[in-house]
Protein backbone atom coordinates (compact mmCIF):
# COMPACT_ATOMS: atom_id res chain seq x y z
CA UNK A 1 0.00 0.00 0.00
CA UNK A 2 1.47 3.31 -1.10
CA UNK A 3 0.80 6.21 1.27
CA UNK A 4 0.98 9.54 -0.51
CA UNK A 5 3.16 12.24 1.01
CA UNK A 6 4.77 15.55 0.06
CA UNK A 7 8.48 15.99 0.54
CA UNK A 8 10.74 18.99 1.09
CA UNK A 9 14.46 19.35 1.76
CA UNK A 10 15.71 22.12 3.99
CA UNK A 11 19.32 23.17 4.54
CA UNK A 12 20.84 25.61 7.02
CA UNK A 13 24.58 25.94 7.76
CA UNK A 14 25.65 22.26 7.71
CA UNK A 15 22.28 20.78 8.75
CA UNK A 16 20.07 18.93 6.26
CA UNK A 17 16.43 18.06 6.96
CA UNK A 18 14.23 15.72 4.90
CA UNK A 19 10.60 16.54 5.66
CA UNK A 20 7.56 14.45 4.72
CA UNK A 21 3.99 15.67 5.10
CA UNK A 22 1.19 13.11 5.19
CA UNK A 23 -2.21 14.76 4.52
CA UNK A 24 -5.24 13.57 6.48
CA UNK A 25 -3.37 13.03 9.73
CA UNK A 26 -4.10 14.01 13.31
CA UNK A 27 -1.27 16.54 13.78
CA UNK A 28 1.55 14.14 14.75
CA UNK A 29 4.99 15.77 14.39
CA UNK A 30 8.14 13.67 14.71
CA UNK A 31 11.76 14.85 14.45
CA UNK A 32 14.12 11.85 14.21
CA UNK A 33 11.42 9.71 15.84
CA UNK A 34 10.80 12.08 18.77
CA UNK A 35 8.50 15.03 19.46
CA UNK A 36 9.94 18.51 18.78
CA UNK A 37 9.71 19.29 22.51
CA UNK A 38 11.77 16.20 23.32
CA UNK A 39 14.23 16.56 20.40
CA UNK A 40 15.04 20.25 20.96
CA UNK A 41 15.36 19.77 24.72
CA UNK A 42 12.25 21.72 25.69
CA UNK A 43 13.60 25.00 24.27
CA UNK A 44 10.49 26.83 23.13
CA UNK A 45 12.25 29.08 20.59
CA UNK A 46 13.23 26.06 18.46
CA UNK A 47 9.83 24.42 18.79
CA UNK A 48 8.18 27.68 17.71
CA UNK A 49 10.60 28.03 14.76
CA UNK A 50 9.87 24.47 13.59
CA UNK A 51 6.07 24.73 13.92
CA UNK A 52 5.80 28.24 12.40
CA UNK A 53 5.16 27.11 8.76
CA UNK A 54 2.29 24.83 9.90
CA UNK A 55 0.77 27.63 11.97
CA UNK A 56 0.95 30.10 9.05
CA UNK A 57 -0.63 27.54 6.70
CA UNK A 58 -3.38 26.70 9.26
CA UNK A 59 -2.88 22.95 8.83
CA UNK A 60 -1.40 22.06 12.27
CA UNK A 61 -4.03 19.42 13.07
CA UNK A 62 -4.76 18.16 9.54
CA UNK A 63 -1.36 16.68 8.60
CA UNK A 64 1.23 14.33 10.07
CA UNK A 65 4.86 15.40 9.70
CA UNK A 66 7.93 13.17 9.76
CA UNK A 67 11.41 14.73 9.73
CA UNK A 68 14.87 13.21 9.38
CA UNK A 69 17.53 15.79 10.24
CA UNK A 70 21.30 15.40 10.53
CA UNK A 71 24.42 17.53 10.71
CA UNK A 72 25.03 20.93 12.26
CA UNK A 73 23.89 22.17 15.65
CA UNK A 74 20.53 22.77 17.24
CA UNK A 75 19.88 26.19 15.65
CA UNK A 76 20.93 25.00 12.19
CA UNK A 77 18.75 21.91 12.48
CA UNK A 78 15.72 23.92 13.59
CA UNK A 79 16.20 26.31 10.65
CA UNK A 80 16.60 23.42 8.21
CA UNK A 81 13.42 21.72 9.47
CA UNK A 82 11.46 24.97 9.18
CA UNK A 83 12.69 25.57 5.61
CA UNK A 84 12.06 21.96 4.53
CA UNK A 85 8.57 22.04 6.04
CA UNK A 86 7.74 25.26 4.17
CA UNK A 87 8.94 23.73 0.88
CA UNK A 88 6.84 20.59 1.45
CA UNK A 89 3.77 22.71 2.28
CA UNK A 90 4.16 24.64 -0.99
CA UNK A 91 4.45 21.33 -2.84
CA UNK A 92 1.21 20.23 -1.14
CA UNK A 93 -0.66 23.50 -1.85
CA UNK A 94 0.80 26.17 -4.16
CA UNK A 95 -1.63 28.76 -2.73
CA UNK A 96 0.46 28.84 0.49
CA UNK A 97 3.53 30.25 -1.31
CA UNK A 98 2.71 34.01 -0.86
CA UNK A 99 1.97 33.56 2.87
CA UNK A 100 5.20 31.65 3.57
CA UNK A 101 7.25 33.92 1.27
CA UNK A 102 6.00 37.03 3.12
CA UNK A 103 7.06 35.46 6.44
CA UNK A 104 10.53 34.86 4.98
CA UNK A 105 10.45 31.10 5.55
CA UNK A 106 10.83 30.12 1.89
CA UNK A 107 14.24 31.79 1.56
CA UNK A 108 17.40 29.73 2.09
CA UNK A 109 19.65 31.38 4.68
CA UNK A 110 23.03 31.48 2.88
CA UNK A 111 25.13 32.25 5.96
CA UNK A 112 27.72 29.58 6.71
CA UNK A 113 30.87 29.54 8.81
CA UNK A 114 33.72 31.37 7.12
CA UNK A 115 36.90 29.37 6.52
CA UNK A 116 40.11 30.01 8.44
CA UNK A 117 42.75 31.91 6.42
CA UNK A 118 46.50 31.21 6.57
CA UNK A 119 48.45 33.58 8.81
CA UNK A 120 45.37 34.33 10.91
CA UNK A 121 44.21 32.78 14.17
CA UNK A 122 40.59 32.37 12.98
CA UNK A 123 38.70 33.46 9.87
CA UNK A 124 39.46 37.17 10.47
CA UNK A 125 41.27 37.46 13.81
CA UNK A 126 44.85 38.58 13.29
CA UNK A 127 47.77 37.95 15.63
CA UNK A 128 48.50 40.95 17.88
CA UNK A 129 50.58 43.58 16.08
CA UNK A 130 53.68 44.66 18.00
CA UNK A 131 55.84 47.48 16.69
CA UNK A 132 58.83 46.70 18.95
C-alpha atoms as a PDB file:
ATOM      1  CA  UNK A   1       0.000   0.000   0.000  1.00  0.00           C
ATOM      2  CA  UNK A   2       1.474   3.311  -1.097  1.00  0.00           C
ATOM      3  CA  UNK A   3       0.800   6.209   1.269  1.00  0.00           C
ATOM      4  CA  UNK A   4       0.980   9.539  -0.513  1.00  0.00           C
ATOM      5  CA  UNK A   5       3.160  12.240   1.008  1.00  0.00           C
ATOM      6  CA  UNK A   6       4.770  15.548   0.064  1.00  0.00           C
ATOM      7  CA  UNK A   7       8.480  15.995   0.540  1.00  0.00           C
ATOM      8  CA  UNK A   8      10.744  18.988   1.086  1.00  0.00           C
ATOM      9  CA  UNK A   9      14.458  19.346   1.759  1.00  0.00           C
ATOM     10  CA  UNK A  10      15.714  22.117   3.995  1.00  0.00           C
ATOM     11  CA  UNK A  11      19.324  23.165   4.543  1.00  0.00           C
ATOM     12  CA  UNK A  12      20.840  25.611   7.015  1.00  0.00           C
ATOM     13  CA  UNK A  13      24.577  25.942   7.764  1.00  0.00           C
ATOM     14  CA  UNK A  14      25.646  22.265   7.705  1.00  0.00           C
ATOM     15  CA  UNK A  15      22.282  20.776   8.749  1.00  0.00           C
ATOM     16  CA  UNK A  16      20.074  18.933   6.258  1.00  0.00           C
ATOM     17  CA  UNK A  17      16.426  18.063   6.955  1.00  0.00           C
ATOM     18  CA  UNK A  18      14.233  15.717   4.905  1.00  0.00           C
ATOM     19  CA  UNK A  19      10.599  16.545   5.659  1.00  0.00           C
ATOM     20  CA  UNK A  20       7.565  14.453   4.721  1.00  0.00           C
ATOM     21  CA  UNK A  21       3.987  15.672   5.098  1.00  0.00           C
ATOM     22  CA  UNK A  22       1.190  13.108   5.187  1.00  0.00           C
ATOM     23  CA  UNK A  23      -2.212  14.759   4.516  1.00  0.00           C
ATOM     24  CA  UNK A  24      -5.243  13.570   6.483  1.00  0.00           C
ATOM     25  CA  UNK A  25      -3.365  13.032   9.728  1.00  0.00           C
ATOM     26  CA  UNK A  26      -4.096  14.006  13.314  1.00  0.00           C
ATOM     27  CA  UNK A  27      -1.270  16.540  13.781  1.00  0.00           C
ATOM     28  CA  UNK A  28       1.552  14.144  14.751  1.00  0.00           C
ATOM     29  CA  UNK A  29       4.986  15.766  14.390  1.00  0.00           C
ATOM     30  CA  UNK A  30       8.145  13.669  14.709  1.00  0.00           C
ATOM     31  CA  UNK A  31      11.762  14.847  14.445  1.00  0.00           C
ATOM     32  CA  UNK A  32      14.122  11.848  14.209  1.00  0.00           C
ATOM     33  CA  UNK A  33      11.417   9.715  15.841  1.00  0.00           C
ATOM     34  CA  UNK A  34      10.801  12.083  18.768  1.00  0.00           C
ATOM     35  CA  UNK A  35       8.495  15.029  19.456  1.00  0.00           C
ATOM     36  CA  UNK A  36       9.939  18.514  18.777  1.00  0.00           C
ATOM     37  CA  UNK A  37       9.709  19.286  22.508  1.00  0.00           C
ATOM     38  CA  UNK A  38      11.774  16.203  23.318  1.00  0.00           C
ATOM     39  CA  UNK A  39      14.227  16.559  20.402  1.00  0.00           C
ATOM     40  CA  UNK A  40      15.044  20.246  20.961  1.00  0.00           C
ATOM     41  CA  UNK A  41      15.357  19.766  24.720  1.00  0.00           C
ATOM     42  CA  UNK A  42      12.251  21.722  25.686  1.00  0.00           C
ATOM     43  CA  UNK A  43      13.604  25.004  24.268  1.00  0.00           C
ATOM     44  CA  UNK A  44      10.492  26.831  23.131  1.00  0.00           C
ATOM     45  CA  UNK A  45      12.254  29.077  20.589  1.00  0.00           C
ATOM     46  CA  UNK A  46      13.235  26.056  18.463  1.00  0.00           C
ATOM     47  CA  UNK A  47       9.827  24.418  18.790  1.00  0.00           C
ATOM     48  CA  UNK A  48       8.183  27.681  17.715  1.00  0.00           C
ATOM     49  CA  UNK A  49      10.605  28.030  14.763  1.00  0.00           C
ATOM     50  CA  UNK A  50       9.869  24.474  13.587  1.00  0.00           C
ATOM     51  CA  UNK A  51       6.074  24.729  13.919  1.00  0.00           C
ATOM     52  CA  UNK A  52       5.796  28.244  12.398  1.00  0.00           C
ATOM     53  CA  UNK A  53       5.158  27.109   8.765  1.00  0.00           C
ATOM     54  CA  UNK A  54       2.293  24.829   9.903  1.00  0.00           C
ATOM     55  CA  UNK A  55       0.774  27.632  11.971  1.00  0.00           C
ATOM     56  CA  UNK A  56       0.946  30.105   9.055  1.00  0.00           C
ATOM     57  CA  UNK A  57      -0.634  27.545   6.700  1.00  0.00           C
ATOM     58  CA  UNK A  58      -3.382  26.696   9.262  1.00  0.00           C
ATOM     59  CA  UNK A  59      -2.885  22.950   8.832  1.00  0.00           C
ATOM     60  CA  UNK A  60      -1.403  22.062  12.270  1.00  0.00           C
ATOM     61  CA  UNK A  61      -4.031  19.417  13.072  1.00  0.00           C
ATOM     62  CA  UNK A  62      -4.762  18.160   9.536  1.00  0.00           C
ATOM     63  CA  UNK A  63      -1.359  16.684   8.604  1.00  0.00           C
ATOM     64  CA  UNK A  64       1.226  14.333  10.069  1.00  0.00           C
ATOM     65  CA  UNK A  65       4.860  15.399   9.697  1.00  0.00           C
ATOM     66  CA  UNK A  66       7.927  13.166   9.762  1.00  0.00           C
ATOM     67  CA  UNK A  67      11.410  14.731   9.735  1.00  0.00           C
ATOM     68  CA  UNK A  68      14.872  13.209   9.376  1.00  0.00           C
ATOM     69  CA  UNK A  69      17.531  15.788  10.238  1.00  0.00           C
ATOM     70  CA  UNK A  70      21.305  15.401  10.526  1.00  0.00           C
ATOM     71  CA  UNK A  71      24.421  17.528  10.710  1.00  0.00           C
ATOM     72  CA  UNK A  72      25.026  20.928  12.264  1.00  0.00           C
ATOM     73  CA  UNK A  73      23.887  22.166  15.651  1.00  0.00           C
ATOM     74  CA  UNK A  74      20.525  22.766  17.241  1.00  0.00           C
ATOM     75  CA  UNK A  75      19.877  26.189  15.651  1.00  0.00           C
ATOM     76  CA  UNK A  76      20.926  25.003  12.185  1.00  0.00           C
ATOM     77  CA  UNK A  77      18.750  21.914  12.482  1.00  0.00           C
ATOM     78  CA  UNK A  78      15.716  23.920  13.588  1.00  0.00           C
ATOM     79  CA  UNK A  79      16.198  26.312  10.646  1.00  0.00           C
ATOM     80  CA  UNK A  80      16.602  23.415   8.213  1.00  0.00           C
ATOM     81  CA  UNK A  81      13.421  21.720   9.474  1.00  0.00           C
ATOM     82  CA  UNK A  82      11.459  24.974   9.176  1.00  0.00           C
ATOM     83  CA  UNK A  83      12.690  25.571   5.608  1.00  0.00           C
ATOM     84  CA  UNK A  84      12.058  21.958   4.530  1.00  0.00           C
ATOM     85  CA  UNK A  85       8.571  22.037   6.037  1.00  0.00           C
ATOM     86  CA  UNK A  86       7.743  25.256   4.172  1.00  0.00           C
ATOM     87  CA  UNK A  87       8.936  23.733   0.880  1.00  0.00           C
ATOM     88  CA  UNK A  88       6.842  20.595   1.445  1.00  0.00           C
ATOM     89  CA  UNK A  89       3.766  22.708   2.275  1.00  0.00           C
ATOM     90  CA  UNK A  90       4.159  24.639  -0.994  1.00  0.00           C
ATOM     91  CA  UNK A  91       4.446  21.331  -2.843  1.00  0.00           C
ATOM     92  CA  UNK A  92       1.207  20.235  -1.143  1.00  0.00           C
ATOM     93  CA  UNK A  93      -0.655  23.504  -1.845  1.00  0.00           C
ATOM     94  CA  UNK A  94       0.798  26.165  -4.160  1.00  0.00           C
ATOM     95  CA  UNK A  95      -1.628  28.761  -2.726  1.00  0.00           C
ATOM     96  CA  UNK A  96       0.458  28.844   0.491  1.00  0.00           C
ATOM     97  CA  UNK A  97       3.527  30.251  -1.314  1.00  0.00           C
ATOM     98  CA  UNK A  98       2.713  34.007  -0.859  1.00  0.00           C
ATOM     99  CA  UNK A  99       1.966  33.557   2.874  1.00  0.00           C
ATOM    100  CA  UNK A 100       5.196  31.654   3.567  1.00  0.00           C
ATOM    101  CA  UNK A 101       7.250  33.922   1.275  1.00  0.00           C
ATOM    102  CA  UNK A 102       6.004  37.029   3.117  1.00  0.00           C
ATOM    103  CA  UNK A 103       7.055  35.462   6.442  1.00  0.00           C
ATOM    104  CA  UNK A 104      10.533  34.857   4.978  1.00  0.00           C
ATOM    105  CA  UNK A 105      10.454  31.101   5.555  1.00  0.00           C
ATOM    106  CA  UNK A 106      10.833  30.124   1.886  1.00  0.00           C
ATOM    107  CA  UNK A 107      14.241  31.790   1.559  1.00  0.00           C
ATOM    108  CA  UNK A 108      17.403  29.726   2.089  1.00  0.00           C
ATOM    109  CA  UNK A 109      19.648  31.379   4.681  1.00  0.00           C
ATOM    110  CA  UNK A 110      23.027  31.478   2.876  1.00  0.00           C
ATOM    111  CA  UNK A 111      25.132  32.245   5.961  1.00  0.00           C
ATOM    112  CA  UNK A 112      27.718  29.577   6.705  1.00  0.00           C
ATOM    113  CA  UNK A 113      30.873  29.542   8.809  1.00  0.00           C
ATOM    114  CA  UNK A 114      33.723  31.374   7.118  1.00  0.00           C
ATOM    115  CA  UNK A 115      36.895  29.374   6.522  1.00  0.00           C
ATOM    116  CA  UNK A 116      40.114  30.010   8.437  1.00  0.00           C
ATOM    117  CA  UNK A 117      42.748  31.911   6.417  1.00  0.00           C
ATOM    118  CA  UNK A 118      46.501  31.205   6.569  1.00  0.00           C
ATOM    119  CA  UNK A 119      48.455  33.578   8.815  1.00  0.00           C
ATOM    120  CA  UNK A 120      45.375  34.335  10.907  1.00  0.00           C
ATOM    121  CA  UNK A 121      44.211  32.777  14.166  1.00  0.00           C
ATOM    122  CA  UNK A 122      40.593  32.367  12.979  1.00  0.00           C
ATOM    123  CA  UNK A 123      38.702  33.459   9.869  1.00  0.00           C
ATOM    124  CA  UNK A 124      39.460  37.170  10.465  1.00  0.00           C
ATOM    125  CA  UNK A 125      41.275  37.455  13.812  1.00  0.00           C
ATOM    126  CA  UNK A 126      44.851  38.582  13.285  1.00  0.00           C
ATOM    127  CA  UNK A 127      47.766  37.948  15.628  1.00  0.00           C
ATOM    128  CA  UNK A 128      48.495  40.954  17.880  1.00  0.00           C
ATOM    129  CA  UNK A 129      50.584  43.583  16.084  1.00  0.00           C
ATOM    130  CA  UNK A 130      53.682  44.661  17.995  1.00  0.00           C
ATOM    131  CA  UNK A 131      55.842  47.481  16.687  1.00  0.00           C
ATOM    132  CA  UNK A 132      58.826  46.696  18.950  1.00  0.00           C
END
